[in-house]
Protein backbone atom coordinates (compact mmCIF):
# COMPACT_ATOMS: atom_id res chain seq x y z
CA MET A 1 7.03 1.56 -13.10
CA ASP A 2 8.72 -1.67 -13.72
CA LYS A 3 6.18 -4.22 -14.67
CA ASN A 4 8.57 -7.03 -13.05
CA LEU A 5 7.83 -5.39 -9.55
CA ASN A 6 3.96 -5.72 -9.98
CA GLN A 7 4.33 -9.55 -10.81
CA GLU A 8 3.59 -12.14 -8.00
CA PHE A 9 6.80 -13.91 -6.75
CA VAL A 10 6.51 -17.59 -6.48
CA LYS A 11 9.18 -20.09 -4.83
CA ILE A 12 11.53 -21.16 -7.57
CA SER A 13 13.96 -23.77 -5.82
CA VAL A 14 15.31 -24.79 -2.57
CA ILE A 15 19.05 -23.36 -2.10
CA ASP A 16 21.34 -25.85 -0.21
CA THR A 17 23.99 -23.76 0.99
CA ILE A 18 24.81 -20.21 1.63
CA ILE A 19 27.75 -20.45 -1.12
CA GLU A 20 25.13 -21.38 -3.64
CA ALA A 21 22.84 -18.55 -2.18
CA GLN A 22 25.67 -16.32 -2.70
CA LEU A 23 26.69 -17.35 -6.31
CA ILE A 24 23.54 -17.50 -7.54
CA GLU A 25 22.43 -13.92 -6.25
CA SER A 26 25.51 -12.56 -7.87
CA VAL A 27 24.46 -14.15 -11.23
CA LEU A 28 20.88 -13.03 -11.08
CA GLN A 29 22.15 -9.62 -9.98
CA GLU A 30 24.45 -9.31 -12.84
CA GLN A 31 21.44 -10.31 -15.27
CA ASN A 32 19.13 -7.85 -13.61
CA ILE A 33 16.63 -10.76 -12.87
CA PRO A 34 14.19 -9.60 -10.08
CA HIS A 35 14.77 -12.19 -7.27
CA ARG A 36 14.32 -12.91 -3.23
CA ILE A 37 16.80 -14.97 -1.56
CA GLN A 38 15.07 -16.18 1.87
CA SER A 39 17.07 -18.18 4.40
CA PHE A 40 15.56 -20.88 6.67
CA TYR A 41 17.58 -19.88 9.23
CA ASP A 42 15.69 -19.62 12.66
CA THR A 43 17.73 -18.22 15.59
CA ALA A 44 15.00 -19.94 18.22
CA TYR A 45 16.20 -23.04 16.62
CA ASP A 46 20.13 -22.14 15.95
CA GLY A 47 19.66 -23.23 12.33
CA LEU A 48 18.70 -26.90 13.12
CA PHE A 49 16.03 -27.05 10.31
CA GLN A 50 18.28 -25.84 7.66
CA PHE A 51 19.95 -29.19 7.58
CA GLN A 52 16.41 -30.75 6.83
CA LYS A 53 14.84 -28.21 4.70
CA GLY A 54 17.82 -26.54 2.84
CA TRP A 55 19.78 -23.44 3.56
CA GLY A 56 16.87 -21.31 2.12
CA ALA A 57 14.58 -20.65 -1.38
CA ILE A 58 14.74 -18.10 -4.24
CA TRP A 59 11.58 -16.82 -4.99
CA ALA A 60 11.07 -14.77 -8.33
CA PRO A 61 8.35 -14.03 -10.80
CA LYS A 62 7.16 -17.25 -12.53
CA THR A 63 8.24 -15.82 -15.76
CA TYR A 64 11.86 -16.16 -14.88
CA LYS A 65 11.45 -19.84 -13.42
CA LYS A 66 13.31 -21.36 -16.12
CA ILE A 67 16.18 -19.24 -16.72
CA ILE A 68 16.84 -19.56 -13.14
CA LEU A 69 16.71 -22.87 -12.86
CA GLU A 70 19.45 -23.35 -15.77
CA ILE A 71 21.39 -20.83 -13.86
CA LEU A 72 21.13 -22.80 -10.64
CA ASP A 73 21.73 -26.43 -12.45
CA ASN A 74 24.99 -24.39 -13.94
CA VAL A 75 25.85 -23.24 -10.28
CA ARG A 76 25.38 -26.92 -8.92
CA SER A 77 27.37 -28.69 -11.85
CA ARG A 78 30.06 -26.24 -11.41
CA LYS A 79 29.96 -25.34 -15.12
CA TRP A 80 30.81 -21.43 -14.25
CA ILE A 81 34.08 -22.33 -13.10
CA ILE A 82 36.74 -21.64 -15.19
CA PRO A 83 39.63 -24.40 -14.90
CA VAL A 84 43.30 -23.05 -14.23
CA ASN A 85 46.12 -24.78 -16.12
CA PRO A 86 48.65 -25.44 -13.17
CA ASN A 87 51.28 -25.01 -16.00
CA ASP A 88 50.31 -21.34 -16.64
CA GLN A 89 51.47 -20.41 -12.98
């Protein structure tokens, strides 16, 4: 059995938008990092609290906190975007 599945998941960070959630989810899956993405959307309030609390949160084993925060920082700073040279088109 995978030892990561037996680890307690802790809240790593708040996620600001659904796009950010999708990007980090993709990177974490690609790197086989165990995680869960939780949306703060509540149908009773039609997402009202997402404006105050953020879109959601990322949960993972504490041992992955540093790497996940680095990935999140790269996503937020857009370091993952490959610049396109308009002259190449």
